[in-house]
N, C-alpha and C. Protein backbone atom coordinates (compact mmCIF):
# COMPACT_ATOMS: atom_id res chain seq x y z
N UNK A 1 271.68 75.01 -10.12
CA UNK A 1 270.61 74.05 -10.31
C UNK A 1 269.32 74.81 -10.59
N UNK A 2 268.69 74.51 -11.65
CA UNK A 2 267.46 75.17 -12.04
C UNK A 2 266.28 74.24 -11.81
N UNK A 3 265.25 74.76 -11.15
CA UNK A 3 264.06 73.95 -10.88
C UNK A 3 263.09 74.03 -12.03
N UNK A 4 262.42 72.94 -12.28
CA UNK A 4 261.36 72.93 -13.27
C UNK A 4 260.18 73.72 -12.72
N UNK A 5 259.34 74.27 -13.59
CA UNK A 5 258.22 75.09 -13.10
C UNK A 5 257.37 74.38 -12.06
N UNK A 6 257.13 73.10 -12.23
CA UNK A 6 256.28 72.39 -11.27
C UNK A 6 256.97 72.16 -9.93
N UNK A 7 258.30 72.36 -9.86
CA UNK A 7 259.04 72.17 -8.62
C UNK A 7 259.26 73.48 -7.87
N UNK A 8 258.97 74.61 -8.52
CA UNK A 8 259.17 75.89 -7.86
C UNK A 8 258.07 76.15 -6.85
N UNK A 9 258.41 76.86 -5.81
CA UNK A 9 257.43 77.22 -4.80
C UNK A 9 256.53 78.34 -5.33
N UNK A 10 255.26 78.23 -5.06
CA UNK A 10 254.33 79.28 -5.44
C UNK A 10 254.68 80.56 -4.70
N UNK A 11 255.09 80.44 -3.44
CA UNK A 11 255.46 81.61 -2.66
C UNK A 11 256.66 82.33 -3.25
N UNK A 12 257.66 81.59 -3.71
CA UNK A 12 258.83 82.25 -4.28
C UNK A 12 258.45 82.92 -5.60
N UNK A 13 257.57 82.32 -6.36
CA UNK A 13 257.10 82.96 -7.59
C UNK A 13 256.34 84.23 -7.25
N UNK A 14 255.51 84.19 -6.22
CA UNK A 14 254.75 85.37 -5.82
C UNK A 14 255.70 86.46 -5.34
N UNK A 15 256.73 86.08 -4.62
CA UNK A 15 257.72 87.07 -4.16
C UNK A 15 258.40 87.72 -5.36
N UNK A 16 258.79 86.93 -6.33
CA UNK A 16 259.43 87.45 -7.54
C UNK A 16 258.47 88.38 -8.28
N UNK A 17 257.21 87.98 -8.38
CA UNK A 17 256.20 88.82 -9.04
C UNK A 17 256.02 90.14 -8.30
N UNK A 18 256.00 90.07 -6.98
CA UNK A 18 255.82 91.28 -6.17
C UNK A 18 257.00 92.23 -6.35
N UNK A 19 258.21 91.69 -6.37
CA UNK A 19 259.39 92.53 -6.59
C UNK A 19 259.31 93.18 -7.97
N UNK A 20 258.89 92.42 -8.97
CA UNK A 20 258.74 92.98 -10.32
C UNK A 20 257.70 94.10 -10.32
N UNK A 21 256.57 93.87 -9.68
CA UNK A 21 255.49 94.86 -9.66
C UNK A 21 255.94 96.13 -8.94
N UNK A 22 256.68 96.00 -7.86
CA UNK A 22 257.20 97.18 -7.16
C UNK A 22 258.15 97.97 -8.07
N UNK A 23 258.91 97.27 -8.88
CA UNK A 23 259.78 97.94 -9.85
C UNK A 23 258.98 98.72 -10.89
N UNK A 24 257.89 98.13 -11.35
CA UNK A 24 257.01 98.81 -12.30
C UNK A 24 256.42 100.06 -11.65
N UNK A 25 255.97 99.93 -10.42
CA UNK A 25 255.39 101.07 -9.72
C UNK A 25 256.43 102.17 -9.54
N UNK A 26 257.65 101.79 -9.20
CA UNK A 26 258.73 102.76 -9.03
C UNK A 26 259.01 103.48 -10.36
N UNK A 27 259.05 102.73 -11.45
CA UNK A 27 259.28 103.31 -12.77
C UNK A 27 258.18 104.30 -13.14
N UNK A 28 256.93 103.92 -12.90
CA UNK A 28 255.81 104.81 -13.20
C UNK A 28 255.87 106.08 -12.35
N UNK A 29 256.23 105.92 -11.09
CA UNK A 29 256.33 107.09 -10.20
C UNK A 29 257.41 108.04 -10.71
N UNK A 30 258.58 107.50 -11.04
CA UNK A 30 259.67 108.34 -11.53
C UNK A 30 259.27 109.03 -12.83
N UNK A 31 258.61 108.30 -13.73
CA UNK A 31 258.16 108.90 -14.98
C UNK A 31 257.19 110.03 -14.70
N UNK A 32 256.26 109.81 -13.77
CA UNK A 32 255.26 110.84 -13.49
C UNK A 32 255.89 112.09 -12.89
N UNK A 33 256.96 111.94 -12.14
CA UNK A 33 257.65 113.09 -11.57
C UNK A 33 258.41 113.89 -12.63
N UNK A 34 258.88 113.20 -13.64
CA UNK A 34 259.65 113.85 -14.70
C UNK A 34 258.75 114.42 -15.80
N UNK A 35 257.51 113.99 -15.88
CA UNK A 35 256.59 114.42 -16.94
C UNK A 35 255.28 114.91 -16.32
N UNK A 36 255.37 115.92 -15.51
CA UNK A 36 254.20 116.45 -14.81
C UNK A 36 253.12 116.87 -15.80
N UNK A 37 251.91 116.49 -15.52
CA UNK A 37 250.77 116.88 -16.34
C UNK A 37 250.56 116.05 -17.59
N UNK A 38 251.45 115.12 -17.89
CA UNK A 38 251.29 114.28 -19.06
C UNK A 38 250.60 112.96 -18.67
N UNK A 39 249.80 112.45 -19.57
CA UNK A 39 249.13 111.17 -19.33
C UNK A 39 250.01 110.03 -19.85
N UNK A 40 250.08 108.98 -19.07
CA UNK A 40 250.82 107.79 -19.50
C UNK A 40 249.81 106.81 -20.07
N UNK A 41 249.97 106.43 -21.32
CA UNK A 41 248.95 105.65 -22.01
C UNK A 41 249.33 104.20 -22.26
N UNK A 42 250.45 103.76 -21.77
CA UNK A 42 250.93 102.41 -22.07
C UNK A 42 250.77 101.45 -20.89
N UNK A 43 249.75 101.63 -20.09
CA UNK A 43 249.57 100.80 -18.90
C UNK A 43 248.99 99.42 -19.19
N UNK A 44 248.32 99.27 -20.29
CA UNK A 44 247.60 98.02 -20.56
C UNK A 44 248.50 96.80 -20.48
N UNK A 45 249.67 96.86 -21.07
CA UNK A 45 250.57 95.70 -21.05
C UNK A 45 251.00 95.35 -19.63
N UNK A 46 251.25 96.35 -18.81
CA UNK A 46 251.64 96.06 -17.44
C UNK A 46 250.46 95.55 -16.62
N UNK A 47 249.28 96.08 -16.86
CA UNK A 47 248.10 95.64 -16.10
C UNK A 47 247.72 94.21 -16.44
N UNK A 48 247.90 93.81 -17.67
CA UNK A 48 247.49 92.47 -18.08
C UNK A 48 248.63 91.47 -18.05
N UNK A 49 249.78 91.88 -17.57
CA UNK A 49 250.91 90.96 -17.42
C UNK A 49 250.55 89.92 -16.36
N UNK A 50 250.91 88.69 -16.61
CA UNK A 50 250.58 87.59 -15.70
C UNK A 50 251.10 87.86 -14.28
N UNK A 51 252.23 88.50 -14.17
CA UNK A 51 252.79 88.80 -12.83
C UNK A 51 251.90 89.77 -12.08
N UNK A 52 251.39 90.78 -12.75
CA UNK A 52 250.47 91.74 -12.11
C UNK A 52 249.19 91.04 -11.68
N UNK A 53 248.67 90.20 -12.55
CA UNK A 53 247.42 89.50 -12.24
C UNK A 53 247.59 88.54 -11.08
N UNK A 54 248.74 87.86 -10.99
CA UNK A 54 248.98 86.97 -9.84
C UNK A 54 249.04 87.76 -8.54
N UNK A 55 249.70 88.91 -8.56
CA UNK A 55 249.75 89.75 -7.35
C UNK A 55 248.36 90.22 -6.96
N UNK A 56 247.58 90.64 -7.94
CA UNK A 56 246.22 91.09 -7.66
C UNK A 56 245.37 89.96 -7.10
N UNK A 57 245.47 88.78 -7.70
CA UNK A 57 244.70 87.64 -7.23
C UNK A 57 245.09 87.27 -5.80
N UNK A 58 246.37 87.33 -5.48
CA UNK A 58 246.82 87.03 -4.13
C UNK A 58 246.19 87.98 -3.13
N UNK A 59 246.15 89.25 -3.46
CA UNK A 59 245.57 90.25 -2.55
C UNK A 59 244.07 90.01 -2.37
N UNK A 60 243.38 89.68 -3.44
CA UNK A 60 241.94 89.42 -3.36
C UNK A 60 241.69 88.14 -2.55
N UNK A 61 242.49 87.12 -2.79
CA UNK A 61 242.29 85.85 -2.09
C UNK A 61 242.55 85.97 -0.59
N UNK A 62 243.46 86.86 -0.20
CA UNK A 62 243.77 87.04 1.22
C UNK A 62 242.81 87.99 1.92
N UNK A 63 242.00 88.71 1.17
CA UNK A 63 241.07 89.67 1.74
C UNK A 63 239.97 88.95 2.50
N UNK A 64 239.83 89.25 3.76
CA UNK A 64 238.84 88.58 4.61
C UNK A 64 237.47 89.26 4.54
N UNK A 65 237.41 90.46 3.95
CA UNK A 65 236.16 91.21 3.97
C UNK A 65 235.43 91.11 2.71
């Protein structure tokens, strides 16, 4: 059974986004270990991905300070 976007939980979407972002971070870490001293220039697409932005917004919204 597939839920329509308006029926999905925001929390489950955030969890999915967080899992995706952790995968991106893991990939970047592995790349950096294999290519020491090289600059990675393709970050823009990952930074502006809606999933990254939702994770960032969640962290900012939960910040009490």
